[in-house]
C-alpha atoms as a PDB file:
ATOM      1  CA  MET A   1      33.213   7.992 -47.152  1.00  0.00           C
ATOM      2  CA  GLU A   2      35.740  10.634 -46.097  1.00  0.00           C
ATOM      3  CA  PHE A   3      33.040  12.516 -44.323  1.00  0.00           C
ATOM      4  CA  ILE A   4      31.908   9.526 -42.444  1.00  0.00           C
ATOM      5  CA  ASN A   5      35.754   8.307 -41.394  1.00  0.00           C
ATOM      6  CA  ALA A   6      36.023  12.099 -40.240  1.00  0.00           C
ATOM      7  CA  LEU A   7      32.993  12.390 -38.139  1.00  0.00           C
ATOM      8  CA  LEU A   8      34.152   9.010 -36.656  1.00  0.00           C
ATOM      9  CA  GLN A   9      37.262  10.718 -35.826  1.00  0.00           C
ATOM     10  CA  ASN A  10      35.749  13.919 -34.410  1.00  0.00           C
ATOM     11  CA  THR A  11      36.352  13.069 -30.484  1.00  0.00           C
ATOM     12  CA  VAL A  12      33.991  15.950 -29.803  1.00  0.00           C
ATOM     13  CA  PHE A  13      31.159  14.336 -31.888  1.00  0.00           C
ATOM     14  CA  MET A  14      31.939  10.709 -30.839  1.00  0.00           C
ATOM     15  CA  ALA A  15      31.827  11.822 -27.196  1.00  0.00           C
ATOM     16  CA  ALA A  16      28.328  13.278 -27.397  1.00  0.00           C
ATOM     17  CA  ALA A  17      27.020  10.644 -29.468  1.00  0.00           C
ATOM     18  CA  THR A  18      28.372   7.913 -26.969  1.00  0.00           C
ATOM     19  CA  GLY A  19      26.711   9.898 -23.999  1.00  0.00           C
ATOM     20  CA  TRP A  20      23.309   9.635 -25.859  1.00  0.00           C
ATOM     21  CA  LEU A  21      23.939   6.183 -26.355  1.00  0.00           C
ATOM     22  CA  VAL A  22      25.024   5.300 -22.886  1.00  0.00           C
ATOM     23  CA  ALA A  23      22.173   7.269 -21.297  1.00  0.00           C
ATOM     24  CA  GLN A  24      19.456   5.717 -23.686  1.00  0.00           C
ATOM     25  CA  VAL A  25      20.714   2.196 -22.767  1.00  0.00           C
ATOM     26  CA  LEU A  26      20.990   2.820 -19.055  1.00  0.00           C
ATOM     27  CA  LYS A  27      17.441   4.319 -19.122  1.00  0.00           C
ATOM     28  CA  THR A  28      16.210   1.064 -20.907  1.00  0.00           C
ATOM     29  CA  LEU A  29      17.648  -1.155 -18.453  1.00  0.00           C
ATOM     30  CA  LEU A  30      16.630   0.642 -15.528  1.00  0.00           C
ATOM     31  CA  ASP A  31      12.974   0.893 -16.779  1.00  0.00           C
ATOM     32  CA  ALA A  32      13.045  -2.992 -17.573  1.00  0.00           C
ATOM     33  CA  PHE A  33      14.171  -3.509 -14.271  1.00  0.00           C
ATOM     34  CA  LEU A  34      11.602  -1.143 -12.314  1.00  0.00           C
ATOM     35  CA  ASN A  35       8.750  -2.298 -14.735  1.00  0.00           C
ATOM     36  CA  LYS A  36       9.626  -5.976 -14.887  1.00  0.00           C
ATOM     37  CA  GLY A  37       9.352  -5.800 -18.385  1.00  0.00           C
ATOM     38  CA  PHE A  38      11.587  -4.474 -21.805  1.00  0.00           C
ATOM     39  CA  SER A  39       9.709  -1.480 -23.687  1.00  0.00           C
ATOM     40  CA  LEU A  40      11.735  -0.697 -27.029  1.00  0.00           C
ATOM     41  CA  GLU A  41       9.907   2.815 -26.929  1.00  0.00           C
ATOM     42  CA  ARG A  42      12.305   3.467 -23.779  1.00  0.00           C
ATOM     43  CA  LEU A  43      15.511   2.826 -26.004  1.00  0.00           C
ATOM     44  CA  THR A  44      14.710   5.843 -28.250  1.00  0.00           C
ATOM     45  CA  GLY A  45      12.136   7.764 -26.364  1.00  0.00           C
ATOM     46  CA  SER A  46      12.400  10.822 -24.302  1.00  0.00           C
ATOM     47  CA  GLY A  47      12.023  11.210 -20.645  1.00  0.00           C
ATOM     48  CA  GLY A  48      13.111   9.100 -17.812  1.00  0.00           C
ATOM     49  CA  MET A  49      16.223   8.541 -15.687  1.00  0.00           C
ATOM     50  CA  PRO A  50      18.904   9.663 -16.756  1.00  0.00           C
ATOM     51  CA  SER A  51      18.399  12.293 -19.062  1.00  0.00           C
ATOM     52  CA  SER A  52      20.024  11.649 -22.549  1.00  0.00           C
ATOM     53  CA  HIS A  53      19.515  15.313 -23.451  1.00  0.00           C
ATOM     54  CA  SER A  54      21.576  16.085 -20.481  1.00  0.00           C
ATOM     55  CA  ALA A  55      24.270  13.241 -20.852  1.00  0.00           C
ATOM     56  CA  THR A  56      24.717  14.474 -24.675  1.00  0.00           C
ATOM     57  CA  VAL A  57      24.916  18.195 -24.230  1.00  0.00           C
ATOM     58  CA  CYS A  58      27.522  17.570 -21.202  1.00  0.00           C
ATOM     59  CA  ALA A  59      29.571  15.244 -22.939  1.00  0.00           C
ATOM     60  CA  LEU A  60      29.479  17.580 -25.953  1.00  0.00           C
ATOM     61  CA  ALA A  61      30.711  20.668 -23.749  1.00  0.00           C
ATOM     62  CA  THR A  62      33.329  18.580 -21.633  1.00  0.00           C
ATOM     63  CA  SER A  63      34.933  17.274 -24.746  1.00  0.00           C
ATOM     64  CA  ALA A  64      35.001  20.866 -26.152  1.00  0.00           C
ATOM     65  CA  GLY A  65      36.151  22.195 -23.368  1.00  0.00           C
ATOM     66  CA  ILE A  66      38.950  19.640 -22.941  1.00  0.00           C
ATOM     67  CA  ARG A  67      39.874  19.654 -26.857  1.00  0.00           C
ATOM     68  CA  TYR A  68      39.844  23.236 -27.353  1.00  0.00           C
ATOM     69  CA  GLY A  69      40.101  24.998 -23.750  1.00  0.00           C
ATOM     70  CA  GLY A  70      37.531  26.902 -21.637  1.00  0.00           C
ATOM     71  CA  GLY A  71      38.045  30.083 -23.446  1.00  0.00           C
ATOM     72  CA  SER A  72      37.415  28.897 -26.925  1.00  0.00           C
ATOM     73  CA  PHE A  73      34.475  29.872 -29.309  1.00  0.00           C
ATOM     74  CA  GLU A  74      33.594  25.857 -29.464  1.00  0.00           C
ATOM     75  CA  PHE A  75      33.400  25.360 -25.659  1.00  0.00           C
ATOM     76  CA  ALA A  76      31.458  28.630 -25.275  1.00  0.00           C
ATOM     77  CA  VAL A  77      28.714  27.507 -27.778  1.00  0.00           C
ATOM     78  CA  CYS A  78      28.328  24.079 -26.438  1.00  0.00           C
ATOM     79  CA  ALA A  79      28.217  25.294 -22.779  1.00  0.00           C
ATOM     80  CA  ILE A  80      25.427  27.741 -23.860  1.00  0.00           C
ATOM     81  CA  LEU A  81      23.504  24.922 -26.063  1.00  0.00           C
ATOM     82  CA  ALA A  82      24.070  22.561 -22.851  1.00  0.00           C
ATOM     83  CA  ILE A  83      22.229  24.990 -20.297  1.00  0.00           C
ATOM     84  CA  ILE A  84      19.456  25.630 -22.817  1.00  0.00           C
ATOM     85  CA  VAL A  85      18.729  21.883 -23.436  1.00  0.00           C
ATOM     86  CA  MET A  86      18.994  21.154 -19.674  1.00  0.00           C
ATOM     87  CA  TYR A  87      16.589  23.922 -18.761  1.00  0.00           C
ATOM     88  CA  ASP A  88      14.403  22.976 -21.512  1.00  0.00           C
ATOM     89  CA  ALA A  89      14.068  19.332 -20.570  1.00  0.00           C
ATOM     90  CA  ARG A  90      13.718  19.996 -16.769  1.00  0.00           C
ATOM     91  CA  GLY A  91      11.282  22.725 -17.372  1.00  0.00           C
ATOM     92  CA  VAL A  92       9.144  23.616 -20.554  1.00  0.00           C
ATOM     93  CA  ARG A  93       9.192  19.634 -21.610  1.00  0.00           C
ATOM     94  CA  ARG A  94       8.558  18.425 -18.086  1.00  0.00           C
ATOM     95  CA  GLU A  95       5.444  20.807 -17.906  1.00  0.00           C
ATOM     96  CA  THR A  96       4.456  19.428 -21.316  1.00  0.00           C
ATOM     97  CA  GLY A  97       4.462  16.127 -19.964  1.00  0.00           C
ATOM     98  CA  ILE A  98       2.220  17.090 -17.004  1.00  0.00           C
ATOM     99  CA  GLN A  99      -0.207  18.547 -19.215  1.00  0.00           C
ATOM    100  CA  ALA A 100      -0.461  15.872 -21.421  1.00  0.00           C
ATOM    101  CA  LYS A 101      -1.304  13.573 -18.155  1.00  0.00           C
ATOM    102  CA  VAL A 102      -4.133  15.858 -17.178  1.00  0.00           C
ATOM    103  CA  ILE A 103      -5.361  15.929 -20.864  1.00  0.00           C
ATOM    104  CA  ASN A 104      -5.255  11.932 -20.884  1.00  0.00           C
ATOM    105  CA  GLU A 105      -7.198  11.777 -17.554  1.00  0.00           C
ATOM    106  CA  MET A 106      -9.864  14.090 -19.355  1.00  0.00           C
ATOM    107  CA  ILE A 107     -10.182  11.953 -22.304  1.00  0.00           C
ATOM    108  CA  GLY A 108     -10.405   8.985 -20.039  1.00  0.00           C
ATOM    109  CA  PHE A 109     -13.194  10.884 -18.050  1.00  0.00           C
ATOM    110  CA  PHE A 110     -15.263  11.546 -21.212  1.00  0.00           C
ATOM    111  CA  GLN A 111     -14.897   7.968 -22.564  1.00  0.00           C
ATOM    112  CA  ASN A 112     -16.520   7.039 -19.344  1.00  0.00           C
ATOM    113  CA  MET A 113     -19.441   9.194 -19.913  1.00  0.00           C
ATOM    114  CA  GLY A 114     -19.961   7.556 -23.433  1.00  0.00           C
ATOM    115  CA  LYS A 115     -18.094  10.282 -25.722  1.00  0.00           C
ATOM    116  CA  THR A 116     -16.507   8.741 -28.692  1.00  0.00           C
ATOM    117  CA  LEU A 117     -12.496   9.453 -28.557  1.00  0.00           C
ATOM    118  CA  SER A 118     -10.068   6.952 -29.478  1.00  0.00           C
ATOM    119  CA  TYR A 119      -7.046   6.028 -27.611  1.00  0.00           C
ATOM    120  CA  GLU A 120      -5.195   7.473 -30.809  1.00  0.00           C
ATOM    121  CA  ASP A 121      -6.076  10.719 -29.089  1.00  0.00           C
ATOM    122  CA  LYS A 122      -3.832  10.142 -26.042  1.00  0.00           C
ATOM    123  CA  LEU A 123      -0.872  12.334 -25.862  1.00  0.00           C
ATOM    124  CA  LYS A 124       2.762  11.053 -24.906  1.00  0.00           C
ATOM    125  CA  GLU A 125       3.169  11.943 -21.104  1.00  0.00           C
ATOM    126  CA  LEU A 126       6.832  11.114 -20.614  1.00  0.00           C
ATOM    127  CA  ILE A 127       8.591  14.091 -22.451  1.00  0.00           C
ATOM    128  CA  GLY A 128      10.496  16.142 -19.848  1.00  0.00           C
ATOM    129  CA  HIS A 129      12.872  15.273 -16.771  1.00  0.00           C
ATOM    130  CA  THR A 130      12.999  15.842 -12.942  1.00  0.00           C
ATOM    131  CA  PRO A 131      15.686  17.781 -11.813  1.00  0.00           C
ATOM    132  CA  LEU A 132      17.478  14.295 -10.699  1.00  0.00           C
ATOM    133  CA  GLN A 133      17.252  13.015 -13.927  1.00  0.00           C
ATOM    134  CA  VAL A 134      18.861  16.143 -15.549  1.00  0.00           C
ATOM    135  CA  LEU A 135      21.504  16.019 -12.786  1.00  0.00           C
ATOM    136  CA  ALA A 136      22.301  12.214 -13.302  1.00  0.00           C
ATOM    137  CA  GLY A 137      22.458  12.758 -17.157  1.00  0.00           C
ATOM    138  CA  ALA A 138      24.764  15.797 -16.498  1.00  0.00           C
ATOM    139  CA  ILE A 139      27.032  13.965 -14.440  1.00  0.00           C
ATOM    140  CA  LEU A 140      27.002  10.753 -16.803  1.00  0.00           C
ATOM    141  CA  GLY A 141      27.697  13.312 -19.851  1.00  0.00           C
ATOM    142  CA  ILE A 142      30.661  14.910 -18.126  1.00  0.00           C
ATOM    143  CA  ALA A 143      31.974  11.884 -17.081  1.00  0.00           C
ATOM    144  CA  ILE A 144      31.665  10.325 -20.739  1.00  0.00           C
ATOM    145  CA  GLY A 145      33.207  13.349 -22.408  1.00  0.00           C
ATOM    146  CA  ALA A 146      36.267  13.436 -20.045  1.00  0.00           C
ATOM    147  CA  LEU A 147      36.753   9.776 -20.507  1.00  0.00           C
ATOM    148  CA  TYR A 148      36.484   9.689 -24.025  1.00  0.00           C
ATOM    149  CA  CYS A 149      39.008  12.505 -24.410  1.00  0.00           C
ATOM    150  CA  LEU A 150      41.424  10.942 -22.175  1.00  0.00           C
ATOM    151  CA  TRP A 151      41.151   7.363 -24.200  1.00  0.00           C
ATOM    152  CA  MET A 152      41.177   8.630 -27.460  1.00  0.00           C
END
């Protein structure tokens, strides 16, 4: 119980967790508004606007920078982690989603030709983020990290 209490009192951890939660809720609400329906998968899934990956690591880095200073080891680790995560979300993971879409189209083509492939073989397409989604998540995360440190 002492560990849980310490974790809940940790400003840096809580800012990052709040960044993730707010981004996931916003992503779910935006998806429900645009697609005229609620998808529970959006609440925990990856991809979409804003990037919860970016929001999480930017809230982490911002709160670490405010709490420990820009020259601290803690901020350096968080900032480098943020750069790697945002690069990966925008680059590698986005390309994976594009490839999944092409493969799914190929599966559909072969199914139309009478080949037996089930929809269980369908790959998840919404994995990565566009640069705008990463930027929106980063701005959200920076704001949450700064606000969390000012209020707590």
